[in-house]
Amino acid sequence: MDALKGSLRDNLRLIGDFARRHNLDGFAAAFDSGLARLTADDPFEGIYHRDLAPDGALPLAARQLLGAAQAAWVFGGMGSWNDVSFEAVDQAHYERLSEDLFQLLNTAIVVGANASAQTAPPKQPRPRWKLGR
């Protein structure tokens, strides 16, 4: 999870800078929010789907990944990040950053959700002769 958080952090910084250079402040704010959640003690603060990870279900790093993914998700729908376009070199840079972000956010969702299977040790079955005690 630490390596994934580092890669996502690097991408969010780069894509946030790109958005600011092109005066896309709303998108830059989403990327900044995602970035902040990667180190937040409560990464779901102010997030719509706070119930995504009930208390105790996930370790902090997993909650940070899920909070960042939710805050920085800018894809799909009208007026989304994938509706903007640029000229020449900027377009190529946008496409690379956007593809990386899409892959990282989806990976963060999978890794964060799968962490729920790692938080509790497996229960040991009780011997049949001790049932009821």
N, C-alpha and C. Protein backbone atom coordinates (compact mmCIF):
# COMPACT_ATOMS: atom_id res chain seq x y z
N MET A 1 0.82 -1.19 0.00
CA MET A 1 0.00 0.00 0.00
C MET A 1 0.87 1.26 0.00
N ASP A 2 2.00 1.21 0.66
CA ASP A 2 2.86 2.39 0.71
C ASP A 2 3.38 2.78 -0.68
N ALA A 3 3.77 1.79 -1.46
CA ALA A 3 4.26 2.08 -2.81
C ALA A 3 3.15 2.67 -3.67
N LEU A 4 1.96 2.13 -3.55
CA LEU A 4 0.82 2.64 -4.31
C LEU A 4 0.49 4.07 -3.88
N LYS A 5 0.50 4.32 -2.57
CA LYS A 5 0.26 5.68 -2.08
C LYS A 5 1.31 6.64 -2.63
N GLY A 6 2.56 6.22 -2.71
CA GLY A 6 3.62 7.07 -3.26
C GLY A 6 3.40 7.37 -4.73
N SER A 7 3.03 6.37 -5.50
CA SER A 7 2.78 6.58 -6.93
C SER A 7 1.57 7.49 -7.15
N LEU A 8 0.53 7.27 -6.36
CA LEU A 8 -0.66 8.11 -6.48
C LEU A 8 -0.34 9.54 -6.06
N ARG A 9 0.43 9.70 -4.99
CA ARG A 9 0.83 11.03 -4.54
C ARG A 9 1.58 11.77 -5.66
N ASP A 10 2.54 11.11 -6.27
CA ASP A 10 3.32 11.73 -7.35
C ASP A 10 2.42 12.15 -8.51
N ASN A 11 1.51 11.26 -8.90
CA ASN A 11 0.62 11.57 -10.01
C ASN A 11 -0.31 12.72 -9.67
N LEU A 12 -0.88 12.72 -8.47
CA LEU A 12 -1.81 13.79 -8.09
C LEU A 12 -1.11 15.14 -8.05
N ARG A 13 0.14 15.18 -7.64
CA ARG A 13 0.90 16.44 -7.66
C ARG A 13 1.10 16.92 -9.10
N LEU A 14 1.51 16.01 -9.96
CA LEU A 14 1.76 16.39 -11.35
C LEU A 14 0.49 16.81 -12.07
N ILE A 15 -0.57 16.05 -11.90
CA ILE A 15 -1.80 16.36 -12.62
C ILE A 15 -2.47 17.60 -12.03
N GLY A 16 -2.30 17.82 -10.73
CA GLY A 16 -2.81 19.05 -10.12
C GLY A 16 -2.09 20.27 -10.66
N ASP A 17 -0.77 20.18 -10.79
CA ASP A 17 0.01 21.28 -11.38
C ASP A 17 -0.42 21.54 -12.82
N PHE A 18 -0.63 20.46 -13.57
CA PHE A 18 -1.07 20.58 -14.96
C PHE A 18 -2.43 21.30 -15.01
N ALA A 19 -3.36 20.89 -14.15
CA ALA A 19 -4.68 21.52 -14.14
C ALA A 19 -4.59 23.01 -13.79
N ARG A 20 -3.76 23.36 -12.82
CA ARG A 20 -3.61 24.76 -12.44
C ARG A 20 -3.01 25.59 -13.59
N ARG A 21 -2.02 25.02 -14.29
CA ARG A 21 -1.41 25.75 -15.43
C ARG A 21 -2.43 26.05 -16.51
N HIS A 22 -3.48 25.22 -16.59
CA HIS A 22 -4.51 25.40 -17.62
C HIS A 22 -5.79 26.00 -17.04
N ASN A 23 -5.68 26.58 -15.85
CA ASN A 23 -6.80 27.26 -15.19
C ASN A 23 -8.02 26.35 -15.00
N LEU A 24 -7.77 25.10 -14.69
CA LEU A 24 -8.83 24.15 -14.40
C LEU A 24 -8.87 23.94 -12.89
N ASP A 25 -9.24 25.03 -12.21
CA ASP A 25 -9.12 25.06 -10.76
C ASP A 25 -10.02 24.05 -10.04
N GLY A 26 -11.19 23.78 -10.58
CA GLY A 26 -12.07 22.78 -9.97
C GLY A 26 -11.44 21.40 -9.96
N PHE A 27 -10.82 21.05 -11.06
CA PHE A 27 -10.12 19.76 -11.12
C PHE A 27 -8.90 19.76 -10.22
N ALA A 28 -8.16 20.87 -10.22
CA ALA A 28 -6.99 20.97 -9.35
C ALA A 28 -7.40 20.78 -7.89
N ALA A 29 -8.55 21.33 -7.50
CA ALA A 29 -9.03 21.17 -6.12
C ALA A 29 -9.34 19.70 -5.82
N ALA A 30 -9.90 18.98 -6.78
CA ALA A 30 -10.17 17.55 -6.58
C ALA A 30 -8.87 16.77 -6.41
N PHE A 31 -7.87 17.09 -7.21
CA PHE A 31 -6.58 16.41 -7.11
C PHE A 31 -5.89 16.74 -5.78
N ASP A 32 -5.99 18.00 -5.36
CA ASP A 32 -5.42 18.40 -4.08
C ASP A 32 -6.12 17.70 -2.92
N SER A 33 -7.43 17.56 -3.02
CA SER A 33 -8.19 16.86 -1.98
C SER A 33 -7.76 15.40 -1.90
N GLY A 34 -7.61 14.77 -3.04
CA GLY A 34 -7.14 13.38 -3.05
C GLY A 34 -5.76 13.27 -2.44
N LEU A 35 -4.90 14.19 -2.77
CA LEU A 35 -3.54 14.21 -2.23
C LEU A 35 -3.55 14.35 -0.71
N ALA A 36 -4.36 15.24 -0.20
CA ALA A 36 -4.43 15.47 1.25
C ALA A 36 -4.94 14.22 1.98
N ARG A 37 -5.82 13.48 1.37
CA ARG A 37 -6.40 12.30 2.01
C ARG A 37 -5.41 11.14 2.14
N LEU A 38 -4.33 11.18 1.35
CA LEU A 38 -3.32 10.12 1.43
C LEU A 38 -2.54 10.16 2.74
N THR A 39 -2.60 11.28 3.46
CA THR A 39 -1.90 11.39 4.73
C THR A 39 -2.85 11.76 5.88
N ALA A 40 -4.13 11.83 5.61
CA ALA A 40 -5.10 12.29 6.61
C ALA A 40 -5.38 11.21 7.66
N ASP A 41 -5.61 11.65 8.89
CA ASP A 41 -6.03 10.73 9.96
C ASP A 41 -7.46 10.28 9.74
N ASP A 42 -8.28 11.13 9.13
CA ASP A 42 -9.67 10.78 8.78
C ASP A 42 -9.86 11.07 7.30
N PRO A 43 -9.44 10.14 6.43
CA PRO A 43 -9.48 10.39 4.99
C PRO A 43 -10.88 10.47 4.40
N PHE A 44 -11.91 10.12 5.19
CA PHE A 44 -13.29 10.21 4.71
C PHE A 44 -14.00 11.48 5.17
N GLU A 45 -13.28 12.35 5.88
CA GLU A 45 -13.90 13.58 6.36
C GLU A 45 -14.41 14.41 5.17
N GLY A 46 -15.69 14.74 5.21
CA GLY A 46 -16.30 15.53 4.15
C GLY A 46 -16.58 14.77 2.86
N ILE A 47 -16.35 13.49 2.86
CA ILE A 47 -16.58 12.65 1.67
C ILE A 47 -18.02 12.16 1.69
N TYR A 48 -18.62 12.07 0.54
CA TYR A 48 -20.02 11.65 0.43
C TYR A 48 -20.23 10.23 0.96
N HIS A 49 -19.38 9.31 0.55
CA HIS A 49 -19.55 7.90 0.93
C HIS A 49 -18.68 7.55 2.13
N ARG A 50 -18.94 8.18 3.26
CA ARG A 50 -18.19 7.87 4.50
C ARG A 50 -18.40 6.42 4.92
N ASP A 51 -19.52 5.85 4.56
CA ASP A 51 -19.84 4.48 4.98
C ASP A 51 -19.11 3.43 4.14
N LEU A 52 -18.25 3.86 3.26
CA LEU A 52 -17.49 2.94 2.42
C LEU A 52 -16.64 1.98 3.26
N ALA A 53 -16.17 2.46 4.38
CA ALA A 53 -15.35 1.64 5.27
C ALA A 53 -15.79 1.88 6.71
N PRO A 54 -16.66 1.03 7.24
CA PRO A 54 -17.08 1.18 8.63
C PRO A 54 -15.87 1.14 9.57
N ASP A 55 -16.00 1.80 10.71
CA ASP A 55 -14.91 1.83 11.68
C ASP A 55 -14.39 0.43 11.97
N GLY A 56 -13.08 0.30 11.93
CA GLY A 56 -12.43 -0.96 12.24
C GLY A 56 -12.36 -1.96 11.10
N ALA A 57 -12.99 -1.66 9.98
CA ALA A 57 -13.00 -2.61 8.87
C ALA A 57 -11.72 -2.58 8.05
N LEU A 58 -11.03 -1.44 8.04
CA LEU A 58 -9.84 -1.29 7.20
C LEU A 58 -8.73 -0.59 7.96
N PRO A 59 -7.49 -0.94 7.66
CA PRO A 59 -6.38 -0.18 8.24
C PRO A 59 -6.34 1.23 7.66
N LEU A 60 -5.67 2.13 8.34
CA LEU A 60 -5.62 3.53 7.92
C LEU A 60 -5.12 3.68 6.48
N ALA A 61 -4.08 2.98 6.10
CA ALA A 61 -3.54 3.12 4.74
C ALA A 61 -4.59 2.78 3.69
N ALA A 62 -5.40 1.77 3.93
CA ALA A 62 -6.46 1.40 2.99
C ALA A 62 -7.53 2.47 2.93
N ARG A 63 -7.90 3.02 4.10
CA ARG A 63 -8.89 4.10 4.13
C ARG A 63 -8.36 5.34 3.41
N GLN A 64 -7.07 5.60 3.54
CA GLN A 64 -6.46 6.74 2.85
C GLN A 64 -6.52 6.55 1.33
N LEU A 65 -6.25 5.34 0.87
CA LEU A 65 -6.34 5.08 -0.57
C LEU A 65 -7.77 5.25 -1.07
N LEU A 66 -8.74 4.73 -0.33
CA LEU A 66 -10.13 4.83 -0.75
C LEU A 66 -10.62 6.27 -0.68
N GLY A 67 -10.23 7.01 0.34
CA GLY A 67 -10.61 8.42 0.43
C GLY A 67 -10.01 9.23 -0.70
N ALA A 68 -8.75 8.98 -1.00
CA ALA A 68 -8.09 9.69 -2.10
C ALA A 68 -8.74 9.36 -3.43
N ALA A 69 -9.07 8.10 -3.64
CA ALA A 69 -9.70 7.69 -4.90
C ALA A 69 -11.05 8.36 -5.07
N GLN A 70 -11.81 8.42 -3.99
CA GLN A 70 -13.13 9.04 -4.08
C GLN A 70 -13.02 10.55 -4.33
N ALA A 71 -12.10 11.21 -3.64
CA ALA A 71 -11.96 12.66 -3.78
C ALA A 71 -11.40 13.05 -5.15
N ALA A 72 -10.50 12.25 -5.69
CA ALA A 72 -9.82 12.61 -6.94
C ALA A 72 -10.47 12.00 -8.18
N TRP A 73 -11.59 11.30 -8.02
CA TRP A 73 -12.24 10.68 -9.18
C TRP A 73 -12.90 11.78 -10.02
N VAL A 74 -12.41 11.98 -11.21
CA VAL A 74 -12.87 13.06 -12.09
C VAL A 74 -13.36 12.53 -13.43
N PHE A 75 -13.53 11.24 -13.55
CA PHE A 75 -13.85 10.63 -14.83
C PHE A 75 -15.34 10.35 -14.97
N GLY A 76 -15.85 10.49 -16.20
CA GLY A 76 -17.22 10.13 -16.50
C GLY A 76 -18.19 11.27 -16.25
N GLY A 77 -19.26 11.28 -17.02
CA GLY A 77 -20.27 12.32 -16.88
C GLY A 77 -19.91 13.56 -17.67
N MET A 78 -20.90 14.41 -17.84
CA MET A 78 -20.68 15.64 -18.60
C MET A 78 -19.82 16.60 -17.78
N GLY A 79 -18.89 17.24 -18.44
CA GLY A 79 -18.02 18.20 -17.78
C GLY A 79 -16.91 17.54 -16.98
N SER A 80 -16.65 16.29 -17.27
CA SER A 80 -15.61 15.57 -16.53
C SER A 80 -14.23 15.83 -17.12
N TRP A 81 -13.23 15.38 -16.42
CA TRP A 81 -11.84 15.56 -16.82
C TRP A 81 -11.59 15.02 -18.23
N ASN A 82 -12.23 13.93 -18.57
CA ASN A 82 -11.99 13.34 -19.89
C ASN A 82 -12.70 14.09 -21.01
N ASP A 83 -13.38 15.20 -20.70
CA ASP A 83 -14.02 16.02 -21.73
C ASP A 83 -13.12 17.18 -22.19
N VAL A 84 -12.01 17.41 -21.50
CA VAL A 84 -11.15 18.53 -21.89
C VAL A 84 -10.11 18.07 -22.90
N SER A 85 -9.60 19.02 -23.67
CA SER A 85 -8.55 18.69 -24.63
C SER A 85 -7.60 19.88 -24.74
N PHE A 86 -6.42 19.59 -25.29
CA PHE A 86 -5.35 20.58 -25.36
C PHE A 86 -4.67 20.49 -26.71
N GLU A 87 -3.70 21.33 -26.93
CA GLU A 87 -2.94 21.34 -28.17
C GLU A 87 -1.66 20.51 -28.03
N ALA A 88 -1.31 19.80 -29.06
CA ALA A 88 -0.03 19.11 -29.26
C ALA A 88 0.60 18.50 -28.02
N VAL A 89 1.70 19.06 -27.56
CA VAL A 89 2.48 18.49 -26.46
C VAL A 89 1.65 18.43 -25.18
N ASP A 90 0.84 19.46 -24.93
CA ASP A 90 0.00 19.46 -23.74
C ASP A 90 -1.01 18.31 -23.78
N GLN A 91 -1.53 18.01 -24.97
CA GLN A 91 -2.49 16.91 -25.10
C GLN A 91 -1.83 15.57 -24.76
N ALA A 92 -0.63 15.37 -25.25
CA ALA A 92 0.09 14.13 -24.95
C ALA A 92 0.39 14.01 -23.46
N HIS A 93 0.78 15.10 -22.82
CA HIS A 93 1.05 15.11 -21.38
C HIS A 93 -0.24 14.83 -20.60
N TYR A 94 -1.32 15.49 -21.01
CA TYR A 94 -2.64 15.26 -20.39
C TYR A 94 -3.05 13.79 -20.49
N GLU A 95 -2.88 13.21 -21.65
CA GLU A 95 -3.28 11.81 -21.85
C GLU A 95 -2.46 10.87 -20.98
N ARG A 96 -1.17 11.11 -20.88
CA ARG A 96 -0.32 10.25 -20.05
C ARG A 96 -0.68 10.38 -18.58
N LEU A 97 -0.81 11.61 -18.09
CA LEU A 97 -1.18 11.83 -16.70
C LEU A 97 -2.55 11.26 -16.38
N SER A 98 -3.48 11.43 -17.31
CA SER A 98 -4.85 10.96 -17.09
C SER A 98 -4.93 9.44 -17.08
N GLU A 99 -4.21 8.80 -17.98
CA GLU A 99 -4.19 7.33 -18.00
C GLU A 99 -3.57 6.79 -16.72
N ASP A 100 -2.48 7.40 -16.30
CA ASP A 100 -1.85 6.98 -15.04
C ASP A 100 -2.80 7.17 -13.87
N LEU A 101 -3.48 8.31 -13.81
CA LEU A 101 -4.42 8.57 -12.72
C LEU A 101 -5.54 7.55 -12.72
N PHE A 102 -6.11 7.28 -13.88
CA PHE A 102 -7.20 6.31 -13.98
C PHE A 102 -6.77 4.94 -13.46
N GLN A 103 -5.60 4.49 -13.89
CA GLN A 103 -5.08 3.20 -13.45
C GLN A 103 -4.80 3.19 -11.94
N LEU A 104 -4.19 4.25 -11.45
CA LEU A 104 -3.85 4.33 -10.02
C LEU A 104 -5.09 4.38 -9.15
N LEU A 105 -6.10 5.16 -9.55
CA LEU A 105 -7.32 5.24 -8.75
C LEU A 105 -8.04 3.91 -8.71
N ASN A 106 -8.11 3.23 -9.84
CA ASN A 106 -8.76 1.92 -9.86
C ASN A 106 -7.99 0.91 -9.02
N THR A 107 -6.68 0.95 -9.10
CA THR A 107 -5.86 0.06 -8.28
C THR A 107 -6.04 0.38 -6.80
N ALA A 108 -6.11 1.67 -6.47
CA ALA A 108 -6.32 2.07 -5.07
C ALA A 108 -7.64 1.53 -4.54
N ILE A 109 -8.66 1.54 -5.35
CA ILE A 109 -9.97 1.03 -4.94
C ILE A 109 -9.88 -0.47 -4.66
N VAL A 110 -9.25 -1.20 -5.55
CA VAL A 110 -9.13 -2.65 -5.37
C VAL A 110 -8.26 -2.98 -4.15
N VAL A 111 -7.12 -2.36 -4.05
CA VAL A 111 -6.21 -2.63 -2.93
C VAL A 111 -6.85 -2.22 -1.61
N GLY A 112 -7.48 -1.05 -1.59
CA GLY A 112 -8.13 -0.59 -0.37
C GLY A 112 -9.25 -1.52 0.07
N ALA A 113 -10.09 -1.92 -0.86
CA ALA A 113 -11.20 -2.82 -0.53
C ALA A 113 -10.69 -4.19 -0.11
N ASN A 114 -9.69 -4.70 -0.79
CA ASN A 114 -9.16 -6.02 -0.45
C ASN A 114 -8.48 -6.06 0.91
N ALA A 115 -8.09 -4.91 1.42
CA ALA A 115 -7.44 -4.87 2.73
C ALA A 115 -8.38 -5.32 3.83
N SER A 116 -9.68 -5.29 3.58
CA SER A 116 -10.63 -5.73 4.61
C SER A 116 -10.45 -7.22 4.90
N ALA A 117 -9.95 -7.96 3.96
CA ALA A 117 -9.75 -9.40 4.16
C ALA A 117 -8.49 -9.66 4.99
N GLN A 118 -7.67 -8.64 5.18
CA GLN A 118 -6.40 -8.82 5.88
C GLN A 118 -6.41 -8.30 7.31
N THR A 119 -7.50 -7.64 7.73
CA THR A 119 -7.47 -7.00 9.04
C THR A 119 -7.75 -7.95 10.19
N ALA A 120 -8.55 -8.94 9.97
CA ALA A 120 -8.91 -9.85 11.07
C ALA A 120 -8.29 -11.22 10.81
N PRO A 121 -7.68 -11.80 11.82
CA PRO A 121 -7.14 -13.15 11.62
C PRO A 121 -8.29 -14.13 11.40
N PRO A 122 -8.05 -15.16 10.65
CA PRO A 122 -9.13 -16.14 10.41
C PRO A 122 -9.52 -16.81 11.72
N LYS A 123 -10.81 -17.01 11.86
CA LYS A 123 -11.30 -17.69 13.06
C LYS A 123 -10.97 -19.17 12.96
N GLN A 124 -10.56 -19.71 14.09
CA GLN A 124 -10.27 -21.14 14.15
C GLN A 124 -11.58 -21.87 14.41
N PRO A 125 -11.87 -22.88 13.63
CA PRO A 125 -13.11 -23.61 13.88
C PRO A 125 -13.03 -24.32 15.23
N ARG A 126 -14.15 -24.32 15.91
CA ARG A 126 -14.21 -25.02 17.20
C ARG A 126 -14.41 -26.50 16.93
N PRO A 127 -13.76 -27.33 17.70
CA PRO A 127 -14.00 -28.77 17.53
C PRO A 127 -15.49 -29.07 17.73
N ARG A 128 -15.99 -30.01 16.97
CA ARG A 128 -17.42 -30.34 17.05
C ARG A 128 -17.84 -30.73 18.45
N TRP A 129 -16.96 -31.40 19.19
CA TRP A 129 -17.33 -31.85 20.53
C TRP A 129 -17.41 -30.71 21.54
N LYS A 130 -16.96 -29.44 21.13
CA LYS A 130 -17.03 -28.30 22.04
C LYS A 130 -18.14 -27.34 21.64
N LEU A 131 -18.94 -27.68 20.67
CA LEU A 131 -20.02 -26.80 20.27
C LEU A 131 -20.98 -26.64 21.44
N GLY A 132 -21.48 -25.46 21.58
CA GLY A 132 -22.44 -25.20 22.65
C GLY A 132 -21.79 -24.71 23.92
N ARG A 133 -20.51 -24.72 24.02
CA ARG A 133 -19.84 -24.21 25.23
C ARG A 133 -19.47 -22.79 25.07
